[in-house]
């Protein structure tokens, strides 16, 4: 799986720690190619999609989805990433063309582009009302915000590391990250040992450039008796279809479709996630109206 995006899931300390690590370079690059995102937007979307994919592995049902939605008062406005339990993710950014000066340390200013606001985590099993958890953004840098969500909303002590490294041509060089969590029955002494080890992590992108997902978890948790249980391929995938777009148009209601018909011309509907275009002729719209 050298050139394939994938994630690994493992446990350590005899099951007291659960851990995920992923490499998402191709996925982040595909998002950049589709949406023509600026380096800051590419970095933000790459981080958010990596997190969604690692959280998606925990979904139980075939059709379950997890959506991470960030709304901030910065120039990027909003970020959304939706993942399923099969390693598919798609994402969209409110303002894909944001450009800001770099931070003092030379890194992309993702936090400045996102601003202050909220992170919502939406788990949807397709059977009824989705479960929604929401927390205020800590920094807008995304990893710290997901970390805060886990500790506040789910009371799970976690360490989240996410990174995206860009090439000079503004394509994606590295993307991915890790999530490490202590389970409720974990011994307290374990927390101190783990915090000491994780305090040595200064740059997630350096680790991504150096290690595969397995090696990354081995580097972080090798001293705790790491066991890898699963390896899963990841990809950018949009499941839009003409049928889904028709349903969406019907859900707008009669007045809205009549208003589209009053233009007396074909209407184009574009998917936010993959930019695919669907053309509806006057006849198509009339048929939807009759339905």
C-alpha atoms as a PDB file:
ATOM      1  CA  UNK A   1       0.000   0.000   0.000  1.00  0.00           C
ATOM      2  CA  UNK A   2       2.999   2.301  -0.481  1.00  0.00           C
ATOM      3  CA  UNK A   3       1.257   4.729  -2.846  1.00  0.00           C
ATOM      4  CA  UNK A   4      -2.215   4.096  -1.468  1.00  0.00           C
ATOM      5  CA  UNK A   5      -3.780   6.127   1.288  1.00  0.00           C
ATOM      6  CA  UNK A   6      -4.611   3.931   4.268  1.00  0.00           C
ATOM      7  CA  UNK A   7      -5.154   3.915   7.987  1.00  0.00           C
ATOM      8  CA  UNK A   8      -4.265   1.478  10.743  1.00  0.00           C
ATOM      9  CA  UNK A   9      -6.125   0.841  13.968  1.00  0.00           C
ATOM     10  CA  UNK A  10      -4.488  -0.649  17.019  1.00  0.00           C
ATOM     11  CA  UNK A  11      -4.463  -1.004  20.780  1.00  0.00           C
ATOM     12  CA  UNK A  12      -1.708  -0.790  23.381  1.00  0.00           C
ATOM     13  CA  UNK A  13      -1.153  -1.291  27.112  1.00  0.00           C
ATOM     14  CA  UNK A  14      -3.280  -4.470  27.043  1.00  0.00           C
ATOM     15  CA  UNK A  15      -6.254  -2.691  25.508  1.00  0.00           C
ATOM     16  CA  UNK A  16      -6.171   0.394  27.746  1.00  0.00           C
ATOM     17  CA  UNK A  17      -5.120   2.578  24.787  1.00  0.00           C
ATOM     18  CA  UNK A  18      -6.751   2.668  21.358  1.00  0.00           C
ATOM     19  CA  UNK A  19      -4.986   4.319  18.456  1.00  0.00           C
ATOM     20  CA  UNK A  20      -5.411   5.264  14.817  1.00  0.00           C
ATOM     21  CA  UNK A  21      -2.930   6.613  12.281  1.00  0.00           C
ATOM     22  CA  UNK A  22      -3.441   7.466   8.623  1.00  0.00           C
ATOM     23  CA  UNK A  23      -1.711   8.633   5.489  1.00  0.00           C
ATOM     24  CA  UNK A  24      -4.018  10.714   3.254  1.00  0.00           C
ATOM     25  CA  UNK A  25      -1.765  12.421   0.698  1.00  0.00           C
ATOM     26  CA  UNK A  26      -3.726  11.290  -2.400  1.00  0.00           C
ATOM     27  CA  UNK A  27      -7.066  12.078  -0.743  1.00  0.00           C
ATOM     28  CA  UNK A  28      -5.958  15.601   0.185  1.00  0.00           C
ATOM     29  CA  UNK A  29      -4.486  16.124  -3.293  1.00  0.00           C
ATOM     30  CA  UNK A  30      -7.721  14.960  -4.958  1.00  0.00           C
ATOM     31  CA  UNK A  31      -9.697  17.450  -2.829  1.00  0.00           C
ATOM     32  CA  UNK A  32      -7.232  20.187  -3.878  1.00  0.00           C
ATOM     33  CA  UNK A  33      -7.537  19.243  -7.553  1.00  0.00           C
ATOM     34  CA  UNK A  34     -11.368  19.212  -7.538  1.00  0.00           C
ATOM     35  CA  UNK A  35     -11.824  22.455  -5.581  1.00  0.00           C
ATOM     36  CA  UNK A  36      -8.624  24.264  -6.622  1.00  0.00           C
ATOM     37  CA  UNK A  37      -8.016  25.158  -2.962  1.00  0.00           C
ATOM     38  CA  UNK A  38      -5.323  27.580  -1.801  1.00  0.00           C
ATOM     39  CA  UNK A  39      -2.493  26.102   0.340  1.00  0.00           C
ATOM     40  CA  UNK A  40      -4.225  27.160   3.607  1.00  0.00           C
ATOM     41  CA  UNK A  41      -7.575  25.698   2.536  1.00  0.00           C
ATOM     42  CA  UNK A  42      -5.830  22.511   1.312  1.00  0.00           C
ATOM     43  CA  UNK A  43      -4.090  22.130   4.690  1.00  0.00           C
ATOM     44  CA  UNK A  44      -7.320  22.728   6.615  1.00  0.00           C
ATOM     45  CA  UNK A  45      -9.325  20.300   4.468  1.00  0.00           C
ATOM     46  CA  UNK A  46      -6.573  17.656   4.584  1.00  0.00           C
ATOM     47  CA  UNK A  47      -6.500  17.795   8.386  1.00  0.00           C
ATOM     48  CA  UNK A  48     -10.289  17.665   8.720  1.00  0.00           C
ATOM     49  CA  UNK A  49     -10.662  14.777   6.252  1.00  0.00           C
ATOM     50  CA  UNK A  50      -7.929  12.772   8.029  1.00  0.00           C
ATOM     51  CA  UNK A  51      -9.769  13.222  11.335  1.00  0.00           C
ATOM     52  CA  UNK A  52     -13.129  12.250   9.772  1.00  0.00           C
ATOM     53  CA  UNK A  53     -11.621   9.081   8.266  1.00  0.00           C
ATOM     54  CA  UNK A  54     -10.083   7.973  11.577  1.00  0.00           C
ATOM     55  CA  UNK A  55     -13.347   8.690  13.427  1.00  0.00           C
ATOM     56  CA  UNK A  56     -15.296   6.918  10.666  1.00  0.00           C
ATOM     57  CA  UNK A  57     -13.560   3.586  11.358  1.00  0.00           C
ATOM     58  CA  UNK A  58     -15.505   3.404  14.621  1.00  0.00           C
ATOM     59  CA  UNK A  59     -18.897   3.569  12.852  1.00  0.00           C
ATOM     60  CA  UNK A  60     -20.844   0.345  13.267  1.00  0.00           C
ATOM     61  CA  UNK A  61     -23.387   0.292  10.415  1.00  0.00           C
ATOM     62  CA  UNK A  62     -22.832  -0.175   6.682  1.00  0.00           C
ATOM     63  CA  UNK A  63     -24.540   3.140   5.885  1.00  0.00           C
ATOM     64  CA  UNK A  64     -23.413   5.135   8.938  1.00  0.00           C
ATOM     65  CA  UNK A  65     -21.791   8.507   8.252  1.00  0.00           C
ATOM     66  CA  UNK A  66     -19.797  10.937  10.342  1.00  0.00           C
ATOM     67  CA  UNK A  67     -19.628  14.605   9.392  1.00  0.00           C
ATOM     68  CA  UNK A  68     -17.208  17.115  10.895  1.00  0.00           C
ATOM     69  CA  UNK A  69     -18.444  20.641  10.317  1.00  0.00           C
ATOM     70  CA  UNK A  70     -16.526  23.779  11.284  1.00  0.00           C
ATOM     71  CA  UNK A  71     -18.091  27.218  11.132  1.00  0.00           C
ATOM     72  CA  UNK A  72     -15.776  30.108  11.966  1.00  0.00           C
ATOM     73  CA  UNK A  73     -15.695  33.889  11.691  1.00  0.00           C
ATOM     74  CA  UNK A  74     -12.426  33.797   9.693  1.00  0.00           C
ATOM     75  CA  UNK A  75     -12.184  34.256   5.896  1.00  0.00           C
ATOM     76  CA  UNK A  76     -12.484  30.487   5.272  1.00  0.00           C
ATOM     77  CA  UNK A  77     -16.075  30.629   6.659  1.00  0.00           C
ATOM     78  CA  UNK A  78     -16.771  26.898   6.862  1.00  0.00           C
ATOM     79  CA  UNK A  79     -15.286  23.427   6.382  1.00  0.00           C
ATOM     80  CA  UNK A  80     -17.145  20.130   6.047  1.00  0.00           C
ATOM     81  CA  UNK A  81     -15.813  16.573   5.776  1.00  0.00           C
ATOM     82  CA  UNK A  82     -18.056  13.500   5.636  1.00  0.00           C
ATOM     83  CA  UNK A  83     -16.682   9.952   6.009  1.00  0.00           C
ATOM     84  CA  UNK A  84     -18.236   6.483   6.087  1.00  0.00           C
ATOM     85  CA  UNK A  85     -17.029   3.266   7.702  1.00  0.00           C
ATOM     86  CA  UNK A  86     -15.479   2.026   4.419  1.00  0.00           C
ATOM     87  CA  UNK A  87     -12.657   4.573   4.115  1.00  0.00           C
ATOM     88  CA  UNK A  88     -14.477   7.025   1.818  1.00  0.00           C
ATOM     89  CA  UNK A  89     -14.416  10.758   2.507  1.00  0.00           C
ATOM     90  CA  UNK A  90     -15.539  13.922   0.741  1.00  0.00           C
ATOM     91  CA  UNK A  91     -15.153  17.551   1.731  1.00  0.00           C
ATOM     92  CA  UNK A  92     -15.981  21.129   0.850  1.00  0.00           C
ATOM     93  CA  UNK A  93     -14.733  24.502   2.011  1.00  0.00           C
ATOM     94  CA  UNK A  94     -16.733  27.762   2.268  1.00  0.00           C
ATOM     95  CA  UNK A  95     -13.977  29.870   0.708  1.00  0.00           C
ATOM     96  CA  UNK A  96     -11.399  27.655  -1.057  1.00  0.00           C
ATOM     97  CA  UNK A  97      -9.241  30.576  -2.213  1.00  0.00           C
ATOM     98  CA  UNK A  98      -8.190  32.055   1.168  1.00  0.00           C
ATOM     99  CA  UNK A  99      -4.659  33.427   1.293  1.00  0.00           C
ATOM    100  CA  UNK A 100      -3.100  34.785   4.506  1.00  0.00           C
ATOM    101  CA  UNK A 101       0.491  35.572   5.492  1.00  0.00           C
ATOM    102  CA  UNK A 102       2.325  32.696   7.212  1.00  0.00           C
ATOM    103  CA  UNK A 103       2.525  32.545  11.009  1.00  0.00           C
ATOM    104  CA  UNK A 104       5.691  33.704  12.776  1.00  0.00           C
ATOM    105  CA  UNK A 105       6.980  30.112  12.869  1.00  0.00           C
ATOM    106  CA  UNK A 106       6.614  29.896   9.063  1.00  0.00           C
ATOM    107  CA  UNK A 107       3.611  27.527   9.157  1.00  0.00           C
ATOM    108  CA  UNK A 108       0.380  28.101   7.261  1.00  0.00           C
ATOM    109  CA  UNK A 109      -2.041  30.166   9.348  1.00  0.00           C
ATOM    110  CA  UNK A 110      -4.981  27.724   9.355  1.00  0.00           C
ATOM    111  CA  UNK A 111      -6.226  29.034  12.717  1.00  0.00           C
ATOM    112  CA  UNK A 112      -6.355  32.585  11.374  1.00  0.00           C
ATOM    113  CA  UNK A 113      -8.267  31.457   8.271  1.00  0.00           C
ATOM    114  CA  UNK A 114     -10.818  29.517  10.374  1.00  0.00           C
ATOM    115  CA  UNK A 115     -11.194  32.053  13.201  1.00  0.00           C
ATOM    116  CA  UNK A 116     -13.463  31.619  16.226  1.00  0.00           C
ATOM    117  CA  UNK A 117     -16.564  29.465  16.015  1.00  0.00           C
ATOM    118  CA  UNK A 118     -17.824  25.931  16.512  1.00  0.00           C
ATOM    119  CA  UNK A 119     -17.003  22.347  15.601  1.00  0.00           C
ATOM    120  CA  UNK A 120     -20.008  20.045  15.142  1.00  0.00           C
ATOM    121  CA  UNK A 121     -19.660  16.264  14.997  1.00  0.00           C
ATOM    122  CA  UNK A 122     -22.704  14.646  13.374  1.00  0.00           C
ATOM    123  CA  UNK A 123     -23.160  10.881  13.511  1.00  0.00           C
ATOM    124  CA  UNK A 124     -25.900   9.655  11.203  1.00  0.00           C
ATOM    125  CA  UNK A 125     -27.078   6.041  10.978  1.00  0.00           C
ATOM    126  CA  UNK A 126     -29.787   6.972   8.466  1.00  0.00           C
ATOM    127  CA  UNK A 127     -32.534   5.728  10.773  1.00  0.00           C
ATOM    128  CA  UNK A 128     -33.718   8.902  12.447  1.00  0.00           C
ATOM    129  CA  UNK A 129     -32.377  12.032  14.074  1.00  0.00           C
ATOM    130  CA  UNK A 130     -28.579  12.090  13.796  1.00  0.00           C
ATOM    131  CA  UNK A 131     -26.545  12.529  16.996  1.00  0.00           C
ATOM    132  CA  UNK A 132     -24.894  15.974  17.065  1.00  0.00           C
ATOM    133  CA  UNK A 133     -22.152  17.055  19.475  1.00  0.00           C
ATOM    134  CA  UNK A 134     -20.853  20.623  19.390  1.00  0.00           C
ATOM    135  CA  UNK A 135     -17.917  22.414  21.018  1.00  0.00           C
ATOM    136  CA  UNK A 136     -16.378  25.873  20.656  1.00  0.00           C
ATOM    137  CA  UNK A 137     -13.188  26.021  18.583  1.00  0.00           C
ATOM    138  CA  UNK A 138     -10.035  26.235  20.697  1.00  0.00           C
ATOM    139  CA  UNK A 139      -7.578  27.437  18.035  1.00  0.00           C
ATOM    140  CA  UNK A 140      -9.063  26.751  14.596  1.00  0.00           C
ATOM    141  CA  UNK A 141      -5.968  24.619  13.872  1.00  0.00           C
ATOM    142  CA  UNK A 142      -8.300  21.572  13.827  1.00  0.00           C
ATOM    143  CA  UNK A 143      -6.280  18.936  15.756  1.00  0.00           C
ATOM    144  CA  UNK A 144      -6.650  20.864  19.045  1.00  0.00           C
ATOM    145  CA  UNK A 145     -10.335  21.426  18.275  1.00  0.00           C
ATOM    146  CA  UNK A 146     -11.019  17.696  17.723  1.00  0.00           C
ATOM    147  CA  UNK A 147      -9.073  16.995  20.914  1.00  0.00           C
ATOM    148  CA  UNK A 148     -11.275  19.452  22.831  1.00  0.00           C
ATOM    149  CA  UNK A 149     -14.398  17.870  21.349  1.00  0.00           C
ATOM    150  CA  UNK A 150     -13.334  14.434  22.640  1.00  0.00           C
ATOM    151  CA  UNK A 151     -12.552  15.692  26.133  1.00  0.00           C
ATOM    152  CA  UNK A 152     -15.639  17.931  26.518  1.00  0.00           C
ATOM    153  CA  UNK A 153     -18.349  16.083  24.560  1.00  0.00           C
ATOM    154  CA  UNK A 154     -17.270  12.475  24.976  1.00  0.00           C
ATOM    155  CA  UNK A 155     -15.036  12.670  28.096  1.00  0.00           C
ATOM    156  CA  UNK A 156     -12.321  10.641  26.364  1.00  0.00           C
ATOM    157  CA  UNK A 157      -8.727  11.728  27.145  1.00  0.00           C
ATOM    158  CA  UNK A 158      -7.193  11.945  23.671  1.00  0.00           C
ATOM    159  CA  UNK A 159      -4.199  13.183  21.759  1.00  0.00           C
ATOM    160  CA  UNK A 160      -4.902  14.242  18.180  1.00  0.00           C
ATOM    161  CA  UNK A 161      -2.127  15.090  15.729  1.00  0.00           C
ATOM    162  CA  UNK A 162      -2.944  16.193  12.165  1.00  0.00           C
ATOM    163  CA  UNK A 163      -0.700  17.618   9.473  1.00  0.00           C
ATOM    164  CA  UNK A 164      -0.491  18.586   5.810  1.00  0.00           C
ATOM    165  CA  UNK A 165       2.750  19.524   4.093  1.00  0.00           C
ATOM    166  CA  UNK A 166       2.662  21.328   0.748  1.00  0.00           C
ATOM    167  CA  UNK A 167       5.163  21.132  -2.133  1.00  0.00           C
ATOM    168  CA  UNK A 168       6.559  24.311  -3.734  1.00  0.00           C
ATOM    169  CA  UNK A 169       4.087  23.816  -6.625  1.00  0.00           C
ATOM    170  CA  UNK A 170       1.273  23.935  -4.018  1.00  0.00           C
ATOM    171  CA  UNK A 171       0.454  20.237  -4.436  1.00  0.00           C
ATOM    172  CA  UNK A 172       0.235  17.990  -1.356  1.00  0.00           C
ATOM    173  CA  UNK A 173       3.507  16.403  -0.232  1.00  0.00           C
ATOM    174  CA  UNK A 174       2.247  14.738   2.967  1.00  0.00           C
ATOM    175  CA  UNK A 175      -1.084  14.498   4.762  1.00  0.00           C
ATOM    176  CA  UNK A 176      -2.340  12.401   7.645  1.00  0.00           C
ATOM    177  CA  UNK A 177      -2.190  12.117  11.400  1.00  0.00           C
ATOM    178  CA  UNK A 178      -3.006  10.108  14.498  1.00  0.00           C
ATOM    179  CA  UNK A 179      -5.588   9.829  17.271  1.00  0.00           C
ATOM    180  CA  UNK A 180      -4.576   8.170  20.539  1.00  0.00           C
ATOM    181  CA  UNK A 181      -7.151   7.627  23.290  1.00  0.00           C
ATOM    182  CA  UNK A 182      -7.212   6.289  26.838  1.00  0.00           C
ATOM    183  CA  UNK A 183     -10.172   4.023  27.523  1.00  0.00           C
ATOM    184  CA  UNK A 184     -12.285   4.539  30.690  1.00  0.00           C
ATOM    185  CA  UNK A 185     -10.662   1.687  32.657  1.00  0.00           C
ATOM    186  CA  UNK A 186      -7.072   2.818  31.931  1.00  0.00           C
ATOM    187  CA  UNK A 187      -4.698   3.142  34.921  1.00  0.00           C
ATOM    188  CA  UNK A 188      -3.960   6.734  35.900  1.00  0.00           C
ATOM    189  CA  UNK A 189      -0.188   6.181  35.802  1.00  0.00           C
ATOM    190  CA  UNK A 190      -0.553   5.409  32.097  1.00  0.00           C
ATOM    191  CA  UNK A 191      -1.708   8.956  31.371  1.00  0.00           C
ATOM    192  CA  UNK A 192       1.544  10.484  32.699  1.00  0.00           C
ATOM    193  CA  UNK A 193       3.716   8.058  30.706  1.00  0.00           C
ATOM    194  CA  UNK A 194       1.713   8.713  27.556  1.00  0.00           C
ATOM    195  CA  UNK A 195       1.769  12.495  28.012  1.00  0.00           C
ATOM    196  CA  UNK A 196       5.546  12.377  28.466  1.00  0.00           C
ATOM    197  CA  UNK A 197       5.961  10.450  25.203  1.00  0.00           C
ATOM    198  CA  UNK A 198       3.548  12.692  23.260  1.00  0.00           C
ATOM    199  CA  UNK A 199       5.182  15.875  24.570  1.00  0.00           C
ATOM    200  CA  UNK A 200       8.171  14.979  22.353  1.00  0.00           C
ATOM    201  CA  UNK A 201       6.033  15.341  19.198  1.00  0.00           C
ATOM    202  CA  UNK A 202       6.766  18.815  17.809  1.00  0.00           C
ATOM    203  CA  UNK A 203       5.814  18.427  14.140  1.00  0.00           C
ATOM    204  CA  UNK A 204       3.260  15.972  12.814  1.00  0.00           C
ATOM    205  CA  UNK A 205       4.344  16.633   9.218  1.00  0.00           C
ATOM    206  CA  UNK A 206       7.943  15.639  10.103  1.00  0.00           C
ATOM    207  CA  UNK A 207       6.603  12.316  11.414  1.00  0.00           C
ATOM    208  CA  UNK A 208       4.432  11.825   8.314  1.00  0.00           C
ATOM    209  CA  UNK A 209       7.431  12.422   6.040  1.00  0.00           C
ATOM    210  CA  UNK A 210       9.484   9.903   8.010  1.00  0.00           C
ATOM    211  CA  UNK A 211       7.042   7.142   8.968  1.00  0.00           C
ATOM    212  CA  UNK A 212       4.251   4.993   7.522  1.00  0.00           C
ATOM    213  CA  UNK A 213       1.057   4.837   9.664  1.00  0.00           C
ATOM    214  CA  UNK A 214       2.247   1.587  11.319  1.00  0.00           C
ATOM    215  CA  UNK A 215       5.694   3.035  12.028  1.00  0.00           C
ATOM    216  CA  UNK A 216       4.115   6.213  13.378  1.00  0.00           C
ATOM    217  CA  UNK A 217       2.079   4.254  15.947  1.00  0.00           C
ATOM    218  CA  UNK A 218       5.143   2.119  16.736  1.00  0.00           C
ATOM    219  CA  UNK A 219       7.149   5.311  17.358  1.00  0.00           C
ATOM    220  CA  UNK A 220       4.445   6.702  19.676  1.00  0.00           C
ATOM    221  CA  UNK A 221       3.276   3.504  21.391  1.00  0.00           C
ATOM    222  CA  UNK A 222       6.050   0.937  20.903  1.00  0.00           C
ATOM    223  CA  UNK A 223       6.914   1.101  24.632  1.00  0.00           C
ATOM    224  CA  UNK A 224       3.286   0.244  25.510  1.00  0.00           C
ATOM    225  CA  UNK A 225       3.013  -3.068  23.658  1.00  0.00           C
ATOM    226  CA  UNK A 226       1.307  -1.925  20.453  1.00  0.00           C
ATOM    227  CA  UNK A 227      -0.882  -4.369  18.523  1.00  0.00           C
ATOM    228  CA  UNK A 228      -2.191  -3.469  15.043  1.00  0.00           C
ATOM    229  CA  UNK A 229      -5.670  -4.908  14.403  1.00  0.00           C
ATOM    230  CA  UNK A 230      -6.732  -3.429  11.088  1.00  0.00           C
ATOM    231  CA  UNK A 231      -5.458  -1.772   7.941  1.00  0.00           C
ATOM    232  CA  UNK A 232      -7.905  -0.023   5.624  1.00  0.00           C
ATOM    233  CA  UNK A 233      -7.553   1.771   2.279  1.00  0.00           C
ATOM    234  CA  UNK A 234      -8.780   5.374   2.090  1.00  0.00           C
ATOM    235  CA  UNK A 235      -9.996   7.469  -0.822  1.00  0.00           C
ATOM    236  CA  UNK A 236     -11.767  10.678  -1.801  1.00  0.00           C
ATOM    237  CA  UNK A 237     -15.145   9.520  -3.048  1.00  0.00           C
ATOM    238  CA  UNK A 238     -18.399  11.359  -3.708  1.00  0.00           C
ATOM    239  CA  UNK A 239     -21.586   9.286  -3.851  1.00  0.00           C
ATOM    240  CA  UNK A 240     -23.731  11.875  -5.632  1.00  0.00           C
ATOM    241  CA  UNK A 241     -26.046  10.639  -8.405  1.00  0.00           C
ATOM    242  CA  UNK A 242     -28.773  12.005 -10.650  1.00  0.00           C
ATOM    243  CA  UNK A 243     -31.333  10.185  -8.495  1.00  0.00           C
ATOM    244  CA  UNK A 244     -30.086  11.950  -5.333  1.00  0.00           C
ATOM    245  CA  UNK A 245     -30.163  15.336  -7.077  1.00  0.00           C
ATOM    246  CA  UNK A 246     -33.753  14.659  -8.227  1.00  0.00           C
ATOM    247  CA  UNK A 247     -34.748  13.870  -4.636  1.00  0.00           C
ATOM    248  CA  UNK A 248     -33.104  17.089  -3.463  1.00  0.00           C
ATOM    249  CA  UNK A 249     -34.971  19.126  -6.104  1.00  0.00           C
ATOM    250  CA  UNK A 250     -38.298  17.498  -5.180  1.00  0.00           C
ATOM    251  CA  UNK A 251     -37.631  18.288  -1.501  1.00  0.00           C
ATOM    252  CA  UNK A 252     -37.398  22.008  -2.422  1.00  0.00           C
ATOM    253  CA  UNK A 253     -41.146  21.897  -3.049  1.00  0.00           C
ATOM    254  CA  UNK A 254     -43.571  22.773  -5.818  1.00  0.00           C
ATOM    255  CA  UNK A 255     -43.066  26.561  -5.792  1.00  0.00           C
ATOM    256  CA  UNK A 256     -39.303  26.285  -6.179  1.00  0.00           C
ATOM    257  CA  UNK A 257     -39.576  23.921  -9.181  1.00  0.00           C
ATOM    258  CA  UNK A 258     -42.252  26.150 -10.786  1.00  0.00           C
ATOM    259  CA  UNK A 259     -39.894  29.101 -10.325  1.00  0.00           C
ATOM    260  CA  UNK A 260     -37.109  27.160 -12.124  1.00  0.00           C
ATOM    261  CA  UNK A 261     -39.551  26.311 -14.942  1.00  0.00           C
ATOM    262  CA  UNK A 262     -40.497  29.980 -15.355  1.00  0.00           C
ATOM    263  CA  UNK A 263     -36.972  30.609 -16.777  1.00  0.00           C
ATOM    264  CA  UNK A 264     -37.933  28.414 -19.795  1.00  0.00           C
ATOM    265  CA  UNK A 265     -34.476  26.917 -20.060  1.00  0.00           C
ATOM    266  CA  UNK A 266     -32.441  23.931 -18.819  1.00  0.00           C
ATOM    267  CA  UNK A 267     -31.132  24.171 -15.249  1.00  0.00           C
ATOM    268  CA  UNK A 268     -27.686  23.067 -14.118  1.00  0.00           C
ATOM    269  CA  UNK A 269     -27.202  21.595 -10.643  1.00  0.00           C
ATOM    270  CA  UNK A 270     -23.632  21.172  -9.438  1.00  0.00           C
ATOM    271  CA  UNK A 271     -22.511  18.870  -6.602  1.00  0.00           C
ATOM    272  CA  UNK A 272     -20.663  20.819  -3.871  1.00  0.00           C
ATOM    273  CA  UNK A 273     -18.356  17.901  -3.074  1.00  0.00           C
ATOM    274  CA  UNK A 274     -17.136  16.798  -6.524  1.00  0.00           C
ATOM    275  CA  UNK A 275     -18.254  19.603  -8.890  1.00  0.00           C
ATOM    276  CA  UNK A 276     -20.123  17.127 -11.113  1.00  0.00           C
ATOM    277  CA  UNK A 277     -22.852  18.852 -13.169  1.00  0.00           C
ATOM    278  CA  UNK A 278     -26.382  17.542 -13.651  1.00  0.00           C
ATOM    279  CA  UNK A 279     -28.520  19.141 -16.386  1.00  0.00           C
ATOM    280  CA  UNK A 280     -32.311  19.225 -16.053  1.00  0.00           C
ATOM    281  CA  UNK A 281     -34.302  20.161 -19.173  1.00  0.00           C
ATOM    282  CA  UNK A 282     -37.756  21.799 -18.965  1.00  0.00           C
ATOM    283  CA  UNK A 283     -39.270  18.339 -19.583  1.00  0.00           C
ATOM    284  CA  UNK A 284     -37.217  16.871 -16.695  1.00  0.00           C
ATOM    285  CA  UNK A 285     -38.419  19.628 -14.361  1.00  0.00           C
ATOM    286  CA  UNK A 286     -42.046  19.152 -15.421  1.00  0.00           C
ATOM    287  CA  UNK A 287     -41.710  15.451 -14.698  1.00  0.00           C
ATOM    288  CA  UNK A 288     -40.350  16.240 -11.203  1.00  0.00           C
ATOM    289  CA  UNK A 289     -43.258  18.640 -10.654  1.00  0.00           C
ATOM    290  CA  UNK A 290     -45.756  15.902 -11.581  1.00  0.00           C
ATOM    291  CA  UNK A 291     -44.108  13.523  -9.138  1.00  0.00           C
END
